[in-house]
């Protein structure tokens, strides 16, 4: 069946190179150059292309673990000079003639997915599957359907210039942007664009219930907030699995969630595995729920490293197999870490024979959750700043990517300022100059 065509202009991943830039308005933007190489460029700023477009002056952006998948070329169809970044907030500078809800001067945060607000999925607030914002034929061929278009996330997801820049074009501005109230600073509101909604979705979509024991793979920002949200939603015990270069995260997250239990998978006793350790910690049965917040590109064994290097599989199933084999019978496993395609050696037998519920949490439908989470921030029931450790300038982004890629000690989630940013809000990290 022919997919529904996009109803906006796609594949504008660099305004200057696609002929849609304003030559009189230069901006700084972080761009993908080649595997493991990014570059800050001065390039033309955006213009209004479609009637529903909104132009935003960016006042806050960040790096996501998903950006590392792009850096490593684990996501296909990146082009040289594509502008990166899918998490950003800012101030509206200009609106297209079809925009009716947003206005110039309004502080806003953008969903990382571009959402029309009108199609079958958008009407259900499943914004990450918007049918009208991504024209990718290859994604439809691989998945049997398409995700929504996404900012700064390759032509596989529509080819839209991202927000690690000073200015950005936001298609479908009425539904892709959420106004930020005065009592929520950029340093909190920014993270409604992705990480908060993704972590919340991981917990509620996997079905964490009151009294559950929950194991979380990966202690980065998404894993940390999934742990905090699991506790908020009634989990009795939470166990974090991490190690290697990310070992410091075990203690970091435990400092935020004091009753957290941890497993360093790189320092297990001889003969022990993550699976056997979790069984021993959980009455021989395993946890009720497992949530994967790492990703499929990180191979743990030589065999899967070779298969990925040779293109025999896109992703490794090792962490998913650990989850399936670790949880109790009829337990639930949620996959929130990014997986791009096929894998080999998936233990479907364990899943079927012991009744495991394997749930692809999907690219989180931000619009489904962001108003609720904004209210929780205002009521001080959740605190995004618990994960925010550093503030940097956009000018330093090439160096920041290097630090983030090697999981530099103590760098969890960052806030990146531009020339349009307000001074740091009280209680937020001071600027680190590199």
Protein backbone atom coordinates (compact mmCIF):
# COMPACT_ATOMS: atom_id res chain seq x y z
CA UNK A 1 0.00 0.00 0.00
CA UNK A 2 1.32 3.46 -0.91
CA UNK A 3 2.01 5.51 2.25
CA UNK A 4 0.25 8.81 2.85
CA UNK A 5 2.49 11.57 1.42
CA UNK A 6 3.86 14.29 3.67
CA UNK A 7 1.85 17.49 3.47
CA UNK A 8 4.77 19.78 4.34
CA UNK A 9 8.10 20.50 2.69
CA UNK A 10 10.56 17.82 3.79
CA UNK A 11 14.30 17.26 3.32
CA UNK A 12 15.26 20.77 4.37
CA UNK A 13 18.10 19.67 6.61
CA UNK A 14 20.30 22.68 5.88
CA UNK A 15 18.50 25.85 4.82
CA UNK A 16 21.36 27.29 2.78
CA UNK A 17 22.18 24.14 0.82
CA UNK A 18 18.53 23.42 -0.06
CA UNK A 19 17.80 26.95 -1.26
CA UNK A 20 15.43 27.81 1.59
CA UNK A 21 17.84 29.90 3.67
CA UNK A 22 17.82 33.63 4.32
CA UNK A 23 21.19 34.83 2.93
CA UNK A 24 20.84 38.06 4.93
CA UNK A 25 20.45 36.19 8.24
CA UNK A 26 23.44 34.06 9.17
CA UNK A 27 23.38 31.74 12.17
CA UNK A 28 25.61 29.22 13.91
CA UNK A 29 24.58 25.57 13.67
CA UNK A 30 26.10 22.23 14.65
CA UNK A 31 26.27 19.91 11.64
CA UNK A 32 27.02 16.27 10.88
CA UNK A 33 30.04 15.85 8.62
CA UNK A 34 30.96 12.16 8.62
CA UNK A 35 30.93 9.23 11.04
CA UNK A 36 32.22 10.49 14.39
CA UNK A 37 32.68 14.04 13.13
CA UNK A 38 30.52 17.13 13.70
CA UNK A 39 31.28 20.77 12.90
CA UNK A 40 29.91 24.15 13.95
CA UNK A 41 29.18 26.19 10.83
CA UNK A 42 27.98 29.67 10.04
CA UNK A 43 25.14 29.20 7.59
CA UNK A 44 21.92 30.81 6.39
CA UNK A 45 19.03 30.95 8.82
CA UNK A 46 15.56 29.58 8.06
CA UNK A 47 12.63 31.14 6.25
CA UNK A 48 8.90 30.48 6.25
CA UNK A 49 8.32 27.75 3.65
CA UNK A 50 4.85 26.34 4.40
CA UNK A 51 1.79 28.15 5.74
CA UNK A 52 1.98 26.47 9.12
CA UNK A 53 5.68 27.17 9.73
CA UNK A 54 6.98 29.02 12.77
CA UNK A 55 10.51 30.45 13.10
CA UNK A 56 12.01 30.18 16.58
CA UNK A 57 15.03 31.88 18.13
CA UNK A 58 16.58 29.10 20.16
CA UNK A 59 17.25 29.89 23.82
CA UNK A 60 18.10 26.37 24.97
CA UNK A 61 19.18 23.11 23.40
CA UNK A 62 21.00 19.96 24.49
CA UNK A 63 22.57 16.67 23.40
CA UNK A 64 20.59 13.44 23.59
CA UNK A 65 21.93 9.89 23.66
CA UNK A 66 20.13 9.50 20.34
CA UNK A 67 22.43 12.15 18.88
CA UNK A 68 25.29 9.75 19.50
CA UNK A 69 23.58 7.18 17.27
CA UNK A 70 23.70 9.81 14.53
CA UNK A 71 27.31 10.63 15.33
CA UNK A 72 28.16 6.93 14.95
CA UNK A 73 26.05 6.59 11.77
CA UNK A 74 23.84 3.96 13.42
CA UNK A 75 20.87 5.79 11.87
CA UNK A 76 20.84 5.80 8.04
CA UNK A 77 20.54 8.59 5.48
CA UNK A 78 22.57 11.35 7.06
CA UNK A 79 24.01 13.92 4.66
CA UNK A 80 27.04 16.12 5.14
CA UNK A 81 26.09 19.49 6.71
CA UNK A 82 22.74 18.24 8.07
CA UNK A 83 21.90 20.43 11.10
CA UNK A 84 21.56 18.29 14.22
CA UNK A 85 19.51 18.48 17.42
CA UNK A 86 15.97 17.44 18.28
CA UNK A 87 15.53 18.97 21.76
CA UNK A 88 15.13 22.75 21.94
CA UNK A 89 13.12 25.64 23.29
CA UNK A 90 13.02 29.30 22.37
CA UNK A 91 11.04 32.41 21.50
CA UNK A 92 8.83 32.71 18.42
CA UNK A 93 10.23 35.22 15.93
CA UNK A 94 7.84 34.80 12.99
CA UNK A 95 4.75 32.79 12.07
CA UNK A 96 3.39 31.64 8.73
CA UNK A 97 0.00 32.80 7.39
CA UNK A 98 -1.69 29.54 8.41
CA UNK A 99 -0.66 29.69 12.08
CA UNK A 100 -3.58 30.50 14.40
CA UNK A 101 -2.54 29.42 17.91
CA UNK A 102 1.07 30.52 18.31
CA UNK A 103 2.20 34.15 18.35
CA UNK A 104 5.38 36.17 17.99
CA UNK A 105 7.23 36.65 21.29
CA UNK A 106 5.83 33.51 22.91
CA UNK A 107 8.21 31.24 24.83
CA UNK A 108 7.82 27.68 23.55
CA UNK A 109 9.29 24.20 23.64
CA UNK A 110 9.18 21.96 20.57
CA UNK A 111 8.29 18.29 20.51
CA UNK A 112 11.16 16.40 18.89
CA UNK A 113 8.61 14.96 16.46
CA UNK A 114 6.73 17.12 13.97
CA UNK A 115 3.00 16.64 14.47
CA UNK A 116 0.17 17.83 12.25
CA UNK A 117 -2.45 17.55 14.98
CA UNK A 118 -5.10 16.24 12.58
CA UNK A 119 -4.23 12.75 11.24
CA UNK A 120 -5.38 9.40 12.69
CA UNK A 121 -2.44 9.13 15.11
CA UNK A 122 -2.31 12.80 16.09
CA UNK A 123 -6.00 12.69 17.00
CA UNK A 124 -5.08 9.96 19.47
CA UNK A 125 -2.11 12.05 20.68
CA UNK A 126 0.28 9.44 19.32
CA UNK A 127 2.31 12.24 17.83
CA UNK A 128 5.42 10.19 17.11
CA UNK A 129 3.52 8.42 14.33
CA UNK A 130 2.10 11.52 12.60
CA UNK A 131 1.16 10.41 9.10
CA UNK A 132 1.72 13.77 7.40
CA UNK A 133 5.19 14.93 8.44
CA UNK A 134 7.58 12.31 7.03
CA UNK A 135 7.77 11.32 3.38
CA UNK A 136 10.52 8.70 3.75
CA UNK A 137 9.92 5.75 1.44
CA UNK A 138 12.82 3.77 2.91
CA UNK A 139 11.53 3.99 6.48
CA UNK A 140 8.09 2.80 5.37
CA UNK A 141 9.70 -0.11 3.51
CA UNK A 142 11.73 -1.18 6.53
CA UNK A 143 9.11 -0.77 9.27
CA UNK A 144 5.84 -1.29 7.39
CA UNK A 145 4.84 2.22 8.49
CA UNK A 146 6.63 5.49 9.21
CA UNK A 147 7.44 7.52 12.26
CA UNK A 148 6.68 11.21 12.34
CA UNK A 149 9.21 13.59 10.92
CA UNK A 150 11.87 14.45 13.49
CA UNK A 151 14.11 17.45 13.92
CA UNK A 152 17.80 16.91 13.23
CA UNK A 153 17.46 13.16 12.81
CA UNK A 154 18.43 12.27 9.23
CA UNK A 155 16.46 11.98 6.02
CA UNK A 156 15.18 8.61 7.25
CA UNK A 157 12.82 10.69 9.42
CA UNK A 158 12.05 13.45 6.94
CA UNK A 159 15.26 15.44 6.74
CA UNK A 160 14.44 18.43 8.97
CA UNK A 161 17.09 20.85 10.20
CA UNK A 162 17.50 20.54 13.95
CA UNK A 163 17.78 22.75 16.98
CA UNK A 164 21.48 22.69 17.87
CA UNK A 165 21.54 26.10 16.26
CA UNK A 166 20.52 29.70 16.84
CA UNK A 167 17.37 29.56 14.71
CA UNK A 168 15.02 26.83 13.52
CA UNK A 169 12.02 26.32 11.27
CA UNK A 170 9.17 24.47 13.00
CA UNK A 171 6.57 23.00 10.61
CA UNK A 172 3.02 22.63 11.95
CA UNK A 173 3.90 25.18 14.61
CA UNK A 174 0.41 25.21 16.12
CA UNK A 175 0.68 21.58 17.22
CA UNK A 176 4.46 21.00 17.40
CA UNK A 177 5.07 23.80 19.92
CA UNK A 178 3.93 24.07 23.55
CA UNK A 179 3.89 27.47 25.31
CA UNK A 180 6.05 27.68 28.44
CA UNK A 181 4.65 29.59 31.44
CA UNK A 182 6.70 32.20 33.26
CA UNK A 183 7.23 29.98 36.33
CA UNK A 184 9.03 27.29 34.28
CA UNK A 185 12.51 28.43 33.14
CA UNK A 186 14.12 27.18 29.96
CA UNK A 187 16.41 24.96 32.05
CA UNK A 188 13.34 22.91 32.99
CA UNK A 189 10.96 23.41 30.09
CA UNK A 190 13.53 22.38 27.49
CA UNK A 191 13.42 18.75 28.57
CA UNK A 192 9.71 18.39 27.78
CA UNK A 193 10.88 18.15 24.17
CA UNK A 194 12.05 14.56 24.61
CA UNK A 195 13.79 13.12 27.66
CA UNK A 196 11.03 13.69 30.24
CA UNK A 197 8.27 12.40 27.95
CA UNK A 198 10.42 9.48 26.78
CA UNK A 199 11.20 8.41 30.35
CA UNK A 200 7.59 8.78 31.46
CA UNK A 201 6.39 6.79 28.43
CA UNK A 202 8.91 4.04 29.22
CA UNK A 203 7.40 3.62 32.68
CA UNK A 204 3.68 3.94 31.97
CA UNK A 205 3.71 2.16 28.61
CA UNK A 206 5.56 -0.82 30.09
CA UNK A 207 2.97 -0.89 32.85
CA UNK A 208 4.88 -0.24 36.08
CA UNK A 209 2.45 -0.87 38.93
CA UNK A 210 2.37 -0.16 42.64
CA UNK A 211 4.70 -2.56 44.46
CA UNK A 212 6.67 -3.65 41.36
CA UNK A 213 10.37 -4.39 41.28
CA UNK A 214 11.80 -2.65 38.22
CA UNK A 215 15.19 -3.19 36.56
CA UNK A 216 16.52 -0.45 34.28
CA UNK A 217 19.34 -0.98 31.76
CA UNK A 218 21.35 2.23 31.24
CA UNK A 219 21.90 5.07 33.70
CA UNK A 220 21.95 8.00 31.28
CA UNK A 221 19.36 10.80 31.47
CA UNK A 222 16.49 8.66 30.14
CA UNK A 223 17.38 5.80 32.47
CA UNK A 224 17.73 8.14 35.44
CA UNK A 225 14.37 9.78 34.88
CA UNK A 226 12.72 6.40 34.19
CA UNK A 227 13.97 5.33 37.62
CA UNK A 228 12.61 8.48 39.25
CA UNK A 229 9.28 8.10 37.44
CA UNK A 230 9.06 4.39 38.35
CA UNK A 231 9.37 5.36 42.01
CA UNK A 232 6.81 8.14 41.50
CA UNK A 233 4.41 5.59 40.01
CA UNK A 234 4.71 3.19 42.93
CA UNK A 235 7.66 0.87 42.27
CA UNK A 236 8.82 -0.78 45.51
CA UNK A 237 12.35 -1.54 44.33
CA UNK A 238 14.40 -0.24 41.39
CA UNK A 239 17.66 -1.79 40.18
CA UNK A 240 20.01 0.01 37.75
CA UNK A 241 22.40 -1.90 35.46
CA UNK A 242 25.35 0.01 33.98
CA UNK A 243 29.15 -0.19 33.86
CA UNK A 244 32.28 0.43 31.83
CA UNK A 245 32.76 4.09 30.91
CA UNK A 246 29.31 4.80 32.35
CA UNK A 247 30.12 3.25 35.73
CA UNK A 248 30.09 6.65 37.46
CA UNK A 249 26.37 6.90 36.67
CA UNK A 250 25.59 4.15 39.18
CA UNK A 251 26.68 6.37 42.07
CA UNK A 252 25.33 9.54 40.43
CA UNK A 253 21.80 8.19 40.03
CA UNK A 254 21.92 6.60 43.48
CA UNK A 255 22.67 10.06 44.91
CA UNK A 256 19.33 11.19 43.45
CA UNK A 257 17.39 8.02 44.38
CA UNK A 258 18.90 6.85 47.69
CA UNK A 259 17.15 3.47 47.84
CA UNK A 260 18.31 2.53 44.35
CA UNK A 261 20.08 -0.82 43.98
CA UNK A 262 22.82 -1.16 41.37
CA UNK A 263 24.66 -3.74 39.26
CA UNK A 264 27.98 -2.99 37.57
CA UNK A 265 27.87 -5.47 34.69
CA UNK A 266 31.62 -5.04 34.07
CA UNK A 267 32.58 -6.03 37.64
CA UNK A 268 30.52 -9.13 38.26
CA UNK A 269 32.11 -12.09 40.10
CA UNK A 270 33.45 -14.90 37.93
CA UNK A 271 30.63 -17.07 36.64
CA UNK A 272 27.94 -14.47 37.33
CA UNK A 273 25.88 -12.64 34.71
CA UNK A 274 23.36 -9.84 34.82
CA UNK A 275 20.63 -12.47 34.55
CA UNK A 276 21.92 -14.63 37.42
CA UNK A 277 22.55 -11.56 39.59
CA UNK A 278 19.02 -10.22 39.10
CA UNK A 279 17.55 -13.65 39.89
CA UNK A 280 19.47 -13.77 43.17
CA UNK A 281 18.35 -10.25 44.07
CA UNK A 282 14.69 -11.04 43.35
CA UNK A 283 13.79 -14.30 45.13
CA UNK A 284 15.09 -16.47 42.30
CA UNK A 285 12.35 -15.26 39.95
CA UNK A 286 13.58 -11.88 38.73
CA UNK A 287 12.06 -8.40 38.62
CA UNK A 288 8.48 -7.73 37.57
CA UNK A 289 9.49 -5.18 34.95
CA UNK A 290 12.59 -4.52 32.84
CA UNK A 291 13.15 -1.30 30.88
CA UNK A 292 15.92 -0.91 28.29
CA UNK A 293 17.24 2.68 28.21
CA UNK A 294 20.55 2.06 26.44
CA UNK A 295 20.35 1.16 22.70
CA UNK A 296 20.93 -1.59 20.18
CA UNK A 297 24.22 -0.29 18.81
CA UNK A 298 26.27 -1.18 21.91
CA UNK A 299 27.50 -4.75 21.50
CA UNK A 300 28.74 -6.57 24.60
CA UNK A 301 30.36 -9.56 22.86
CA UNK A 302 32.81 -9.94 20.01
CA UNK A 303 30.36 -12.00 17.97
CA UNK A 304 27.76 -9.24 17.77
CA UNK A 305 30.44 -6.57 17.29
CA UNK A 306 31.64 -8.43 14.20
CA UNK A 307 28.12 -8.95 12.87
CA UNK A 308 27.37 -5.25 13.17
CA UNK A 309 30.68 -4.28 11.60
CA UNK A 310 29.98 -6.57 8.63
CA UNK A 311 26.42 -5.31 8.24
CA UNK A 312 24.92 -8.69 9.14
CA UNK A 313 22.69 -7.04 11.72
CA UNK A 314 21.73 -3.44 12.49
CA UNK A 315 21.44 -3.90 16.24
CA UNK A 316 22.47 -6.39 18.88
CA UNK A 317 19.73 -8.20 20.86
CA UNK A 318 21.97 -8.81 23.87
CA UNK A 319 20.28 -6.38 26.27
CA UNK A 320 16.81 -7.43 25.16
CA UNK A 321 17.73 -11.07 25.73
CA UNK A 322 19.02 -10.17 29.19
CA UNK A 323 15.70 -8.53 30.00
CA UNK A 324 13.61 -11.41 28.69
CA UNK A 325 15.66 -13.97 30.61
CA UNK A 326 15.85 -11.85 33.79
CA UNK A 327 12.24 -10.95 34.51
CA UNK A 328 9.82 -13.28 36.24
CA UNK A 329 7.43 -15.36 34.17
CA UNK A 330 4.75 -13.19 32.55
CA UNK A 331 6.90 -10.15 33.36
CA UNK A 332 7.01 -7.01 31.23
CA UNK A 333 9.95 -5.72 29.18
CA UNK A 334 9.93 -2.26 27.63
CA UNK A 335 12.32 -1.14 24.90
CA UNK A 336 12.99 2.59 24.94
CA UNK A 337 16.63 2.62 23.78
CA UNK A 338 16.89 3.19 20.02
CA UNK A 339 16.91 0.16 17.69
CA UNK A 340 17.08 0.91 13.97
CA UNK A 341 16.59 -2.40 12.17
CA UNK A 342 17.24 -6.15 12.31
CA UNK A 343 19.16 -8.24 14.85
CA UNK A 344 20.33 -11.87 15.07
CA UNK A 345 20.00 -14.31 17.95
CA UNK A 346 16.84 -12.94 19.54
CA UNK A 347 15.56 -15.37 22.20
CA UNK A 348 11.97 -15.63 21.02
CA UNK A 349 11.62 -19.02 22.70
CA UNK A 350 12.06 -17.59 26.19
CA UNK A 351 9.57 -14.86 25.38
CA UNK A 352 6.88 -17.23 24.10
CA UNK A 353 7.33 -20.15 26.47
CA UNK A 354 7.36 -18.08 29.67
CA UNK A 355 4.79 -15.48 28.72
CA UNK A 356 7.02 -12.42 28.60
CA UNK A 357 5.40 -9.20 27.40
CA UNK A 358 7.90 -7.44 25.15
CA UNK A 359 6.77 -3.88 24.54
CA UNK A 360 8.30 -1.57 21.98
CA UNK A 361 7.75 1.74 23.73
CA UNK A 362 8.28 3.48 20.40
CA UNK A 363 9.52 6.97 19.86
CA UNK A 364 7.63 8.51 22.76
CA UNK A 365 4.46 10.42 21.78
CA UNK A 366 5.49 13.70 23.39
CA UNK A 367 2.15 15.45 22.86
CA UNK A 368 0.40 12.73 24.89
CA UNK A 369 2.35 13.61 28.03
CA UNK A 370 3.90 17.06 27.91
CA UNK A 371 1.02 19.07 29.38
CA UNK A 372 0.72 16.66 32.33
CA UNK A 373 4.45 16.70 32.94
CA UNK A 374 4.53 20.50 32.71
CA UNK A 375 1.92 20.59 35.48
CA UNK A 376 4.01 18.21 37.61
CA UNK A 377 7.00 20.53 37.16
CA UNK A 378 4.93 23.53 38.23
CA UNK A 379 3.65 21.61 41.26
CA UNK A 380 7.25 20.62 42.10
CA UNK A 381 6.33 16.94 42.00
CA UNK A 382 9.10 16.20 39.49
CA UNK A 383 12.39 18.01 39.05
CA UNK A 384 14.17 17.90 35.67
CA UNK A 385 17.20 19.61 37.22
CA UNK A 386 18.09 16.41 39.07
CA UNK A 387 19.71 15.18 35.83
CA UNK A 388 21.20 18.49 34.61
CA UNK A 389 24.90 18.75 35.46
CA UNK A 390 26.44 21.23 33.00
CA UNK A 391 25.80 24.37 30.96
CA UNK A 392 27.78 25.09 27.79
CA UNK A 393 27.83 27.57 24.94
CA UNK A 394 26.74 26.56 21.44
CA UNK A 395 30.21 27.68 20.30
CA UNK A 396 31.75 24.75 22.23
CA UNK A 397 29.52 22.02 20.83
CA UNK A 398 32.23 20.20 18.89
CA UNK A 399 34.18 19.67 22.13
CA UNK A 400 31.01 18.91 24.08
CA UNK A 401 30.14 16.09 21.67
CA UNK A 402 33.57 14.56 22.31
CA UNK A 403 32.99 14.66 26.07
CA UNK A 404 29.45 13.34 25.82
CA UNK A 405 30.48 10.54 23.48
CA UNK A 406 33.01 9.16 25.96
CA UNK A 407 30.61 9.52 28.89
CA UNK A 408 32.89 11.97 30.65
CA UNK A 409 32.70 11.59 34.40
CA UNK A 410 29.90 13.61 35.92
CA UNK A 411 28.33 14.78 32.63
CA UNK A 412 24.74 13.59 32.66
CA UNK A 413 22.34 15.98 30.90
CA UNK A 414 23.46 19.37 29.66
CA UNK A 415 21.93 22.73 28.83
CA UNK A 416 23.36 24.58 25.83
CA UNK A 417 22.88 28.33 25.58
CA UNK A 418 22.86 30.55 22.50
CA UNK A 419 23.18 34.28 22.04
CA UNK A 420 19.42 34.48 22.61
CA UNK A 421 19.44 32.73 26.01
CA UNK A 422 18.50 34.38 29.29
CA UNK A 423 21.00 34.29 32.19
CA UNK A 424 21.03 30.99 34.12
CA UNK A 425 17.95 30.51 36.28
CA UNK A 426 18.52 30.20 40.05
CA UNK A 427 19.57 26.71 41.09
CA UNK A 428 20.82 25.71 37.64
CA UNK A 429 24.41 24.87 36.66
CA UNK A 430 26.82 27.73 36.01
CA UNK A 431 28.40 28.06 32.58
CA UNK A 432 31.36 25.76 31.89
CA UNK A 433 33.83 27.33 29.47
CA UNK A 434 35.92 24.90 27.42
